[in-house]
PDB file of all heavy atoms in Angstrom:
ATOM      1  N   ASN A   1      23.692   3.803  16.091  1.00  0.00           N
ATOM      2  CA  ASN A   1      22.399   3.698  16.727  1.00  0.00           C
ATOM      3  C   ASN A   1      21.404   4.593  16.013  1.00  0.00           C
ATOM      4  O   ASN A   1      21.555   5.806  15.977  1.00  0.00           O
ATOM      5  CB  ASN A   1      22.524   4.134  18.193  1.00  0.00           C
ATOM      6  CG  ASN A   1      21.255   3.903  18.966  1.00  0.00           C
ATOM      7  OD1 ASN A   1      20.170   3.879  18.407  1.00  0.00           O
ATOM      8  ND2 ASN A   1      21.419   3.749  20.266  1.00  0.00           N
ATOM      9  N   LYS A   2      20.345   3.995  15.439  1.00  0.00           N
ATOM     10  CA  LYS A   2      19.410   4.787  14.657  1.00  0.00           C
ATOM     11  C   LYS A   2      18.660   5.810  15.495  1.00  0.00           C
ATOM     12  O   LYS A   2      18.170   6.808  14.965  1.00  0.00           O
ATOM     13  CB  LYS A   2      18.419   3.878  13.927  1.00  0.00           C
ATOM     14  CG  LYS A   2      19.021   3.209  12.704  1.00  0.00           C
ATOM     15  CD  LYS A   2      17.946   2.634  11.805  1.00  0.00           C
ATOM     16  CE  LYS A   2      18.563   2.123  10.517  1.00  0.00           C
ATOM     17  NZ  LYS A   2      17.517   1.603   9.605  1.00  0.00           N
ATOM     18  N   LEU A   3      18.559   5.589  16.790  1.00  0.00           N
ATOM     19  CA  LEU A   3      17.931   6.600  17.617  1.00  0.00           C
ATOM     20  C   LEU A   3      18.713   7.903  17.558  1.00  0.00           C
ATOM     21  O   LEU A   3      18.144   8.987  17.652  1.00  0.00           O
ATOM     22  CB  LEU A   3      17.817   6.103  19.055  1.00  0.00           C
ATOM     23  CG  LEU A   3      16.698   5.090  19.307  1.00  0.00           C
ATOM     24  CD1 LEU A   3      16.840   4.494  20.701  1.00  0.00           C
ATOM     25  CD2 LEU A   3      15.334   5.731  19.143  1.00  0.00           C
ATOM     26  N   ALA A   4      20.024   7.815  17.392  1.00  0.00           N
ATOM     27  CA  ALA A   4      20.833   9.022  17.279  1.00  0.00           C
ATOM     28  C   ALA A   4      20.529   9.773  15.997  1.00  0.00           C
ATOM     29  O   ALA A   4      20.591  10.999  15.952  1.00  0.00           O
ATOM     30  CB  ALA A   4      22.316   8.665  17.327  1.00  0.00           C
ATOM     31  N   VAL A   5      20.193   9.035  14.957  1.00  0.00           N
ATOM     32  CA  VAL A   5      19.899   9.681  13.678  1.00  0.00           C
ATOM     33  C   VAL A   5      18.692  10.589  13.801  1.00  0.00           C
ATOM     34  O   VAL A   5      18.586  11.609  13.130  1.00  0.00           O
ATOM     35  CB  VAL A   5      19.654   8.610  12.592  1.00  0.00           C
ATOM     36  CG1 VAL A   5      19.362   9.261  11.248  1.00  0.00           C
ATOM     37  CG2 VAL A   5      20.869   7.704  12.479  1.00  0.00           C
ATOM     38  N   ALA A   6      17.768  10.237  14.689  1.00  0.00           N
ATOM     39  CA  ALA A   6      16.561  11.038  14.860  1.00  0.00           C
ATOM     40  C   ALA A   6      16.874  12.461  15.289  1.00  0.00           C
ATOM     41  O   ALA A   6      16.076  13.367  15.077  1.00  0.00           O
ATOM     42  CB  ALA A   6      15.651  10.384  15.895  1.00  0.00           C
ATOM     43  N   VAL A   7      18.025  12.677  15.883  1.00  0.00           N
ATOM     44  CA  VAL A   7      18.430  14.015  16.309  1.00  0.00           C
ATOM     45  C   VAL A   7      18.425  14.974  15.137  1.00  0.00           C
ATOM     46  O   VAL A   7      17.931  16.092  15.195  1.00  0.00           O
ATOM     47  CB  VAL A   7      19.845  13.963  16.919  1.00  0.00           C
ATOM     48  CG1 VAL A   7      20.325  15.359  17.243  1.00  0.00           C
ATOM     49  CG2 VAL A   7      19.855  13.083  18.142  1.00  0.00           C
ATOM     50  N   LEU A   8      18.968  14.525  14.015  1.00  0.00           N
ATOM     51  CA  LEU A   8      19.170  15.408  12.881  1.00  0.00           C
ATOM     52  C   LEU A   8      18.083  15.271  11.837  1.00  0.00           C
ATOM     53  O   LEU A   8      17.647  16.255  11.251  1.00  0.00           O
ATOM     54  CB  LEU A   8      20.527  15.110  12.243  1.00  0.00           C
ATOM     55  CG  LEU A   8      21.106  16.189  11.334  1.00  0.00           C
ATOM     56  CD1 LEU A   8      21.303  17.483  12.094  1.00  0.00           C
ATOM     57  CD2 LEU A   8      22.431  15.721  10.770  1.00  0.00           C
ATOM     58  N   VAL A   9      17.628  14.046  11.605  1.00  0.00           N
ATOM     59  CA  VAL A   9      16.739  13.819  10.478  1.00  0.00           C
ATOM     60  C   VAL A   9      15.277  13.827  10.863  1.00  0.00           C
ATOM     61  O   VAL A   9      14.404  13.852  10.004  1.00  0.00           O
ATOM     62  CB  VAL A   9      17.067  12.484   9.778  1.00  0.00           C
ATOM     63  CG1 VAL A   9      18.511  12.435   9.394  1.00  0.00           C
ATOM     64  CG2 VAL A   9      16.726  11.293  10.648  1.00  0.00           C
ATOM     65  N   GLY A  10      14.975  13.772  12.157  1.00  0.00           N
ATOM     66  CA  GLY A  10      13.589  13.783  12.565  1.00  0.00           C
ATOM     67  C   GLY A  10      12.914  12.441  12.442  1.00  0.00           C
ATOM     68  O   GLY A  10      11.701  12.354  12.281  1.00  0.00           O
ATOM     69  N   ALA A  11      13.678  11.350  12.487  1.00  0.00           N
ATOM     70  CA  ALA A  11      13.099  10.016  12.335  1.00  0.00           C
ATOM     71  C   ALA A  11      12.331   9.615  13.581  1.00  0.00           C
ATOM     72  O   ALA A  11      12.597  10.084  14.678  1.00  0.00           O
ATOM     73  CB  ALA A  11      14.204   8.995  12.074  1.00  0.00           C
ATOM     74  N   THR A  12      11.378   8.718  13.405  1.00  0.00           N
ATOM     75  CA  THR A  12      10.651   8.165  14.534  1.00  0.00           C
ATOM     76  C   THR A  12      10.693   6.647  14.457  1.00  0.00           C
ATOM     77  O   THR A  12      10.581   6.087  13.385  1.00  0.00           O
ATOM     78  CB  THR A  12       9.184   8.645  14.572  1.00  0.00           C
ATOM     79  OG1 THR A  12       8.540   8.009  15.660  1.00  0.00           O
ATOM     80  CG2 THR A  12       8.432   8.340  13.288  1.00  0.00           C
ATOM     81  N   PHE A  13      10.855   6.003  15.585  1.00  0.00           N
ATOM     82  CA  PHE A  13      10.992   4.555  15.609  1.00  0.00           C
ATOM     83  C   PHE A  13       9.943   3.934  16.523  1.00  0.00           C
ATOM     84  O   PHE A  13      10.141   2.886  17.094  1.00  0.00           O
ATOM     85  CB  PHE A  13      12.402   4.178  16.065  1.00  0.00           C
ATOM     86  CG  PHE A  13      13.442   4.793  15.189  1.00  0.00           C
ATOM     87  CD1 PHE A  13      14.088   5.964  15.568  1.00  0.00           C
ATOM     88  CD2 PHE A  13      13.736   4.255  13.957  1.00  0.00           C
ATOM     89  CE1 PHE A  13      15.026   6.547  14.752  1.00  0.00           C
ATOM     90  CE2 PHE A  13      14.678   4.843  13.135  1.00  0.00           C
ATOM     91  CZ  PHE A  13      15.324   5.983  13.528  1.00  0.00           C
ATOM     92  N   SER A  14       8.793   4.598  16.635  1.00  0.00           N
ATOM     93  CA  SER A  14       7.742   4.120  17.522  1.00  0.00           C
ATOM     94  C   SER A  14       6.876   3.059  16.869  1.00  0.00           C
ATOM     95  O   SER A  14       6.018   2.480  17.508  1.00  0.00           O
ATOM     96  CB  SER A  14       6.860   5.297  17.959  1.00  0.00           C
ATOM     97  OG  SER A  14       6.303   5.933  16.831  1.00  0.00           O
ATOM     98  N   GLY A  15       7.069   2.790  15.596  1.00  0.00           N
ATOM     99  CA  GLY A  15       6.264   1.786  14.919  1.00  0.00           C
ATOM    100  C   GLY A  15       6.267   2.023  13.437  1.00  0.00           C
ATOM    101  O   GLY A  15       6.888   2.953  12.931  1.00  0.00           O
ATOM    102  N   HIS A  16       5.549   1.173  12.706  1.00  0.00           N
ATOM    103  CA  HIS A  16       5.491   1.303  11.269  1.00  0.00           C
ATOM    104  C   HIS A  16       4.635   2.516  10.888  1.00  0.00           C
ATOM    105  O   HIS A  16       3.667   2.850  11.551  1.00  0.00           O
ATOM    106  CB  HIS A  16       4.906   0.044  10.636  1.00  0.00           C
ATOM    107  CG  HIS A  16       5.775  -1.165  10.842  1.00  0.00           C
ATOM    108  ND1 HIS A  16       7.002  -1.284  10.250  1.00  0.00           N
ATOM    109  CD2 HIS A  16       5.588  -2.282  11.584  1.00  0.00           C
ATOM    110  CE1 HIS A  16       7.551  -2.453  10.611  1.00  0.00           C
ATOM    111  NE2 HIS A  16       6.711  -3.062  11.426  1.00  0.00           N
ATOM    112  N   ALA A  17       4.989   3.132   9.770  1.00  0.00           N
ATOM    113  CA  ALA A  17       4.209   4.262   9.277  1.00  0.00           C
ATOM    114  C   ALA A  17       2.801   3.795   8.914  1.00  0.00           C
ATOM    115  O   ALA A  17       2.589   2.688   8.447  1.00  0.00           O
ATOM    116  CB  ALA A  17       4.891   4.870   8.048  1.00  0.00           C
ATOM    117  N   ALA A  18       1.843   4.669   9.150  1.00  0.00           N
ATOM    118  CA  ALA A  18       0.471   4.343   8.781  1.00  0.00           C
ATOM    119  C   ALA A  18       0.374   4.138   7.277  1.00  0.00           C
ATOM    120  O   ALA A  18       1.030   4.830   6.496  1.00  0.00           O
ATOM    121  CB  ALA A  18      -0.462   5.479   9.227  1.00  0.00           C
ATOM    122  N   GLN A  19      -0.430   3.175   6.887  1.00  0.00           N
ATOM    123  CA  GLN A  19      -0.587   2.866   5.475  1.00  0.00           C
ATOM    124  C   GLN A  19      -1.792   3.626   4.934  1.00  0.00           C
ATOM    125  O   GLN A  19      -2.896   3.521   5.446  1.00  0.00           O
ATOM    126  CB  GLN A  19      -0.783   1.359   5.290  1.00  0.00           C
ATOM    127  CG  GLN A  19       0.422   0.540   5.713  1.00  0.00           C
ATOM    128  CD  GLN A  19       1.672   0.886   4.912  1.00  0.00           C
ATOM    129  OE1 GLN A  19       1.622   0.948   3.692  1.00  0.00           O
ATOM    130  NE2 GLN A  19       2.764   1.125   5.599  1.00  0.00           N
ATOM    131  N   HIS A  20      -1.590   4.400   3.895  1.00  0.00           N
ATOM    132  CA  HIS A  20      -2.650   5.162   3.261  1.00  0.00           C
ATOM    133  C   HIS A  20      -2.575   4.923   1.762  1.00  0.00           C
ATOM    134  O   HIS A  20      -1.530   4.576   1.213  1.00  0.00           O
ATOM    135  CB  HIS A  20      -2.514   6.660   3.554  1.00  0.00           C
ATOM    136  CG  HIS A  20      -2.561   7.009   5.005  1.00  0.00           C
ATOM    137  ND1 HIS A  20      -3.736   7.091   5.719  1.00  0.00           N
ATOM    138  CD2 HIS A  20      -1.582   7.303   5.883  1.00  0.00           C
ATOM    139  CE1 HIS A  20      -3.478   7.417   6.964  1.00  0.00           C
ATOM    140  NE2 HIS A  20      -2.175   7.555   7.098  1.00  0.00           N
ATOM    141  N   GLN A  21      -3.685   5.167   1.113  1.00  0.00           N
ATOM    142  CA  GLN A  21      -3.744   5.000  -0.327  1.00  0.00           C
ATOM    143  C   GLN A  21      -3.251   6.261  -1.018  1.00  0.00           C
ATOM    144  O   GLN A  21      -3.770   7.352  -0.797  1.00  0.00           O
ATOM    145  CB  GLN A  21      -5.187   4.694  -0.761  1.00  0.00           C
ATOM    146  CG  GLN A  21      -5.703   3.347  -0.290  1.00  0.00           C
ATOM    147  CD  GLN A  21      -4.929   2.196  -0.889  1.00  0.00           C
ATOM    148  OE1 GLN A  21      -4.598   2.210  -2.079  1.00  0.00           O
ATOM    149  NE2 GLN A  21      -4.612   1.201  -0.077  1.00  0.00           N
ATOM    150  N   HIS A  22      -2.239   6.122  -1.813  1.00  0.00           N
ATOM    151  CA  HIS A  22      -1.810   7.187  -2.707  1.00  0.00           C
ATOM    152  C   HIS A  22      -1.010   6.553  -3.830  1.00  0.00           C
ATOM    153  O   HIS A  22      -0.415   5.489  -3.655  1.00  0.00           O
ATOM    154  CB  HIS A  22      -0.989   8.249  -1.977  1.00  0.00           C
ATOM    155  CG  HIS A  22       0.259   7.729  -1.346  1.00  0.00           C
ATOM    156  ND1 HIS A  22       0.285   7.196  -0.076  1.00  0.00           N
ATOM    157  CD2 HIS A  22       1.533   7.641  -1.808  1.00  0.00           C
ATOM    158  CE1 HIS A  22       1.515   6.808   0.212  1.00  0.00           C
ATOM    159  NE2 HIS A  22       2.287   7.051  -0.810  1.00  0.00           N
ATOM    160  N   GLU A  23      -1.006   7.216  -4.960  1.00  0.00           N
ATOM    161  CA  GLU A  23      -0.370   6.659  -6.147  1.00  0.00           C
ATOM    162  C   GLU A  23       0.916   7.420  -6.456  1.00  0.00           C
ATOM    163  O   GLU A  23       0.911   8.647  -6.551  1.00  0.00           O
ATOM    164  CB  GLU A  23      -1.317   6.745  -7.340  1.00  0.00           C
ATOM    165  CG  GLU A  23      -0.752   6.146  -8.623  1.00  0.00           C
ATOM    166  CD  GLU A  23      -1.713   6.255  -9.789  1.00  0.00           C
ATOM    167  OE1 GLU A  23      -2.797   6.847  -9.604  1.00  0.00           O
ATOM    168  OE2 GLU A  23      -1.359   5.768 -10.886  1.00  0.00           O
ATOM    169  N   TYR A  24       2.017   6.691  -6.579  1.00  0.00           N
ATOM    170  CA  TYR A  24       3.279   7.311  -6.973  1.00  0.00           C
ATOM    171  C   TYR A  24       3.357   7.440  -8.493  1.00  0.00           C
ATOM    172  O   TYR A  24       2.881   6.573  -9.240  1.00  0.00           O
ATOM    173  CB  TYR A  24       4.462   6.473  -6.484  1.00  0.00           C
ATOM    174  CG  TYR A  24       4.774   6.632  -5.012  1.00  0.00           C
ATOM    175  CD1 TYR A  24       4.419   5.644  -4.094  1.00  0.00           C
ATOM    176  CD2 TYR A  24       5.432   7.763  -4.539  1.00  0.00           C
ATOM    177  CE1 TYR A  24       4.717   5.783  -2.745  1.00  0.00           C
ATOM    178  CE2 TYR A  24       5.726   7.919  -3.195  1.00  0.00           C
ATOM    179  CZ  TYR A  24       5.364   6.920  -2.307  1.00  0.00           C
ATOM    180  OH  TYR A  24       5.649   7.074  -0.971  1.00  0.00           O
ATOM    181  N   HIS A  25       3.973   8.519  -8.908  1.00  0.00           N
ATOM    182  CA  HIS A  25       4.349   8.707 -10.304  1.00  0.00           C
ATOM    183  C   HIS A  25       5.855   8.898 -10.340  1.00  0.00           C
ATOM    184  O   HIS A  25       6.489   9.173  -9.314  1.00  0.00           O
ATOM    185  CB  HIS A  25       3.625   9.907 -10.908  1.00  0.00           C
ATOM    186  CG  HIS A  25       2.139   9.788 -10.858  1.00  0.00           C
ATOM    187  ND1 HIS A  25       1.411   9.112 -11.804  1.00  0.00           N
ATOM    188  CD2 HIS A  25       1.232  10.252  -9.942  1.00  0.00           C
ATOM    189  CE1 HIS A  25       0.129   9.156 -11.503  1.00  0.00           C
ATOM    190  NE2 HIS A  25      -0.008   9.836 -10.373  1.00  0.00           N
ATOM    191  N   TYR A  26       6.432   8.788 -11.527  1.00  0.00           N
ATOM    192  CA  TYR A  26       7.890   8.801 -11.629  1.00  0.00           C
ATOM    193  C   TYR A  26       8.341   9.661 -12.808  1.00  0.00           C
ATOM    194  O   TYR A  26       7.665   9.757 -13.827  1.00  0.00           O
ATOM    195  CB  TYR A  26       8.425   7.366 -11.807  1.00  0.00           C
ATOM    196  CG  TYR A  26       8.059   6.449 -10.676  1.00  0.00           C
ATOM    197  CD1 TYR A  26       6.867   5.719 -10.705  1.00  0.00           C
ATOM    198  CD2 TYR A  26       8.870   6.327  -9.548  1.00  0.00           C
ATOM    199  CE1 TYR A  26       6.506   4.886  -9.654  1.00  0.00           C
ATOM    200  CE2 TYR A  26       8.520   5.492  -8.496  1.00  0.00           C
ATOM    201  CZ  TYR A  26       7.339   4.780  -8.553  1.00  0.00           C
ATOM    202  OH  TYR A  26       6.987   3.966  -7.507  1.00  0.00           O
ATOM    203  N   THR A  27       9.498  10.278 -12.622  1.00  0.00           N
ATOM    204  CA  THR A  27      10.170  10.980 -13.704  1.00  0.00           C
ATOM    205  C   THR A  27      11.669  10.761 -13.554  1.00  0.00           C
ATOM    206  O   THR A  27      12.144  10.476 -12.445  1.00  0.00           O
ATOM    207  CB  THR A  27       9.842  12.487 -13.692  1.00  0.00           C
ATOM    208  OG1 THR A  27      10.426  13.106 -14.848  1.00  0.00           O
ATOM    209  CG2 THR A  27      10.391  13.172 -12.439  1.00  0.00           C
ATOM    210  N   GLU A  28      12.401  10.886 -14.627  1.00  0.00           N
ATOM    211  CA  GLU A  28      13.845  10.702 -14.558  1.00  0.00           C
ATOM    212  C   GLU A  28      14.536  12.058 -14.487  1.00  0.00           C
ATOM    213  O   GLU A  28      14.283  12.951 -15.307  1.00  0.00           O
ATOM    214  CB  GLU A  28      14.355   9.926 -15.774  1.00  0.00           C
ATOM    215  CG  GLU A  28      15.845   9.592 -15.688  1.00  0.00           C
ATOM    216  CD  GLU A  28      16.313   8.671 -16.798  1.00  0.00           C
ATOM    217  OE1 GLU A  28      15.761   7.561 -16.924  1.00  0.00           O
ATOM    218  OE2 GLU A  28      17.243   9.080 -17.534  1.00  0.00           O
ATOM    219  N   ILE A  29      15.398  12.205 -13.495  1.00  0.00           N
ATOM    220  CA  ILE A  29      16.167  13.438 -13.310  1.00  0.00           C
ATOM    221  C   ILE A  29      17.623  13.061 -13.114  1.00  0.00           C
ATOM    222  O   ILE A  29      17.955  12.320 -12.182  1.00  0.00           O
ATOM    223  CB  ILE A  29      15.659  14.241 -12.096  1.00  0.00           C
ATOM    224  CG1 ILE A  29      14.208  14.682 -12.318  1.00  0.00           C
ATOM    225  CG2 ILE A  29      16.549  15.462 -11.841  1.00  0.00           C
ATOM    226  CD1 ILE A  29      13.588  15.382 -11.122  1.00  0.00           C
ATOM    227  N   ALA A  30      18.473  13.538 -13.993  1.00  0.00           N
ATOM    228  CA  ALA A  30      19.920  13.265 -13.915  1.00  0.00           C
ATOM    229  C   ALA A  30      20.202  11.768 -13.809  1.00  0.00           C
ATOM    230  O   ALA A  30      21.062  11.343 -13.034  1.00  0.00           O
ATOM    231  CB  ALA A  30      20.548  14.025 -12.741  1.00  0.00           C
ATOM    232  N   GLY A  31      19.456  10.977 -14.565  1.00  0.00           N
ATOM    233  CA  GLY A  31      19.683   9.544 -14.599  1.00  0.00           C
ATOM    234  C   GLY A  31      19.096   8.779 -13.425  1.00  0.00           C
ATOM    235  O   GLY A  31      19.336   7.579 -13.289  1.00  0.00           O
ATOM    236  N   LYS A  32      18.314   9.452 -12.570  1.00  0.00           N
ATOM    237  CA  LYS A  32      17.714   8.799 -11.400  1.00  0.00           C
ATOM    238  C   LYS A  32      16.197   8.849 -11.523  1.00  0.00           C
ATOM    239  O   LYS A  32      15.630   9.851 -11.949  1.00  0.00           O
ATOM    240  CB  LYS A  32      18.164   9.494 -10.116  1.00  0.00           C
ATOM    241  CG  LYS A  32      19.675   9.642  -9.971  1.00  0.00           C
ATOM    242  CD  LYS A  32      20.002  10.499  -8.770  1.00  0.00           C
ATOM    243  CE  LYS A  32      21.488  10.784  -8.675  1.00  0.00           C
ATOM    244  NZ  LYS A  32      21.964  11.678  -9.770  1.00  0.00           N
ATOM    245  N   LYS A  33      15.532   7.781 -11.113  1.00  0.00           N
ATOM    246  CA  LYS A  33      14.075   7.736 -11.113  1.00  0.00           C
ATOM    247  C   LYS A  33      13.560   8.384  -9.834  1.00  0.00           C
ATOM    248  O   LYS A  33      13.842   7.924  -8.728  1.00  0.00           O
ATOM    249  CB  LYS A  33      13.587   6.293 -11.205  1.00  0.00           C
ATOM    250  CG  LYS A  33      12.074   6.175 -11.358  1.00  0.00           C
ATOM    251  CD  LYS A  33      11.651   4.736 -11.607  1.00  0.00           C
ATOM    252  CE  LYS A  33      11.762   3.905 -10.348  1.00  0.00           C
ATOM    253  NZ  LYS A  33      11.169   2.559 -10.524  1.00  0.00           N
ATOM    254  N   ILE A  34      12.821   9.473  -9.985  1.00  0.00           N
ATOM    255  CA  ILE A  34      12.325  10.247  -8.856  1.00  0.00           C
ATOM    256  C   ILE A  34      10.820  10.019  -8.715  1.00  0.00           C
ATOM    257  O   ILE A  34      10.063  10.167  -9.674  1.00  0.00           O
ATOM    258  CB  ILE A  34      12.617  11.752  -9.030  1.00  0.00           C
ATOM    259  CG1 ILE A  34      14.117  11.993  -9.197  1.00  0.00           C
ATOM    260  CG2 ILE A  34      12.053  12.551  -7.855  1.00  0.00           C
ATOM    261  CD1 ILE A  34      14.954  11.546  -8.021  1.00  0.00           C
ATOM    262  N   ALA A  35      10.407   9.639  -7.504  1.00  0.00           N
ATOM    263  CA  ALA A  35       9.007   9.344  -7.225  1.00  0.00           C
ATOM    264  C   ALA A  35       8.322  10.556  -6.589  1.00  0.00           C
ATOM    265  O   ALA A  35       8.917  11.282  -5.784  1.00  0.00           O
ATOM    266  CB  ALA A  35       8.909   8.150  -6.274  1.00  0.00           C
ATOM    267  N   TYR A  36       7.058  10.738  -6.968  1.00  0.00           N
ATOM    268  CA  TYR A  36       6.269  11.812  -6.366  1.00  0.00           C
ATOM    269  C   TYR A  36       4.798  11.392  -6.351  1.00  0.00           C
ATOM    270  O   TYR A  36       4.385  10.454  -7.059  1.00  0.00           O
ATOM    271  CB  TYR A  36       6.446  13.129  -7.127  1.00  0.00           C
ATOM    272  CG  TYR A  36       5.944  13.102  -8.551  1.00  0.00           C
ATOM    273  CD1 TYR A  36       4.639  13.489  -8.873  1.00  0.00           C
ATOM    274  CD2 TYR A  36       6.769  12.684  -9.597  1.00  0.00           C
ATOM    275  CE1 TYR A  36       4.182  13.464 -10.178  1.00  0.00           C
ATOM    276  CE2 TYR A  36       6.317  12.652 -10.904  1.00  0.00           C
ATOM    277  CZ  TYR A  36       5.019  13.045 -11.185  1.00  0.00           C
ATOM    278  OH  TYR A  36       4.556  13.010 -12.484  1.00  0.00           O
ATOM    279  N   ALA A  37       4.016  12.071  -5.536  1.00  0.00           N
ATOM    280  CA  ALA A  37       2.583  11.827  -5.463  1.00  0.00           C
ATOM    281  C   ALA A  37       1.881  13.164  -5.298  1.00  0.00           C
ATOM    282  O   ALA A  37       2.417  14.080  -4.662  1.00  0.00           O
ATOM    283  CB  ALA A  37       2.238  10.901  -4.301  1.00  0.00           C
ATOM    284  N   CYS A  38       0.693  13.284  -5.883  1.00  0.00           N
ATOM    285  CA  CYS A  38      -0.078  14.523  -5.806  1.00  0.00           C
ATOM    286  C   CYS A  38      -1.551  14.205  -5.620  1.00  0.00           C
ATOM    287  O   CYS A  38      -2.034  13.143  -6.024  1.00  0.00           O
ATOM    288  CB  CYS A  38       0.077  15.353  -7.091  1.00  0.00           C
ATOM    289  SG  CYS A  38       1.734  15.978  -7.423  1.00  0.00           S
ATOM    290  N   GLN A  39      -2.251  15.135  -5.015  1.00  0.00           N
ATOM    291  CA  GLN A  39      -3.702  15.082  -4.942  1.00  0.00           C
ATOM    292  C   GLN A  39      -4.249  16.488  -5.099  1.00  0.00           C
ATOM    293  O   GLN A  39      -3.579  17.471  -4.792  1.00  0.00           O
ATOM    294  CB  GLN A  39      -4.162  14.472  -3.608  1.00  0.00           C
ATOM    295  CG  GLN A  39      -3.718  15.245  -2.374  1.00  0.00           C
ATOM    296  CD  GLN A  39      -4.298  14.668  -1.098  1.00  0.00           C
ATOM    297  OE1 GLN A  39      -5.431  14.186  -1.080  1.00  0.00           O
ATOM    298  NE2 GLN A  39      -3.523  14.710  -0.017  1.00  0.00           N
ATOM    299  N   GLY A  40      -5.482  16.582  -5.594  1.00  0.00           N
ATOM    300  CA  GLY A  40      -6.087  17.883  -5.819  1.00  0.00           C
ATOM    301  C   GLY A  40      -5.664  18.495  -7.136  1.00  0.00           C
ATOM    302  O   GLY A  40      -4.755  18.004  -7.805  1.00  0.00           O
ATOM    303  N   GLU A  41      -6.327  19.575  -7.493  1.00  0.00           N
ATOM    304  CA  GLU A  41      -6.039  20.285  -8.741  1.00  0.00           C
ATOM    305  C   GLU A  41      -6.149  21.782  -8.512  1.00  0.00           C
ATOM    306  O   GLU A  41      -6.919  22.239  -7.671  1.00  0.00           O
ATOM    307  CB  GLU A  41      -7.013  19.866  -9.846  1.00  0.00           C
ATOM    308  CG  GLU A  41      -6.902  18.415 -10.271  1.00  0.00           C
ATOM    309  CD  GLU A  41      -7.864  18.064 -11.383  1.00  0.00           C
ATOM    310  OE1 GLU A  41      -8.688  18.940 -11.742  1.00  0.00           O
ATOM    311  OE2 GLU A  41      -7.812  16.928 -11.882  1.00  0.00           O
ATOM    312  N   GLY A  42      -5.386  22.522  -9.285  1.00  0.00           N
ATOM    313  CA  GLY A  42      -5.444  23.976  -9.201  1.00  0.00           C
ATOM    314  C   GLY A  42      -4.170  24.603  -9.703  1.00  0.00           C
ATOM    315  O   GLY A  42      -3.167  23.924  -9.950  1.00  0.00           O
TER     316      GLY A  42
END
């Protein structure tokens, strides 16, 4: 039951996540493609 998973992982099942604009970038780490996103500079 995925509701049980929320106990440990903090999941929410109240609806779909809000859609926002952000751009993913990717790098390879230990043979896996890792996604990240950033905003701002400094």
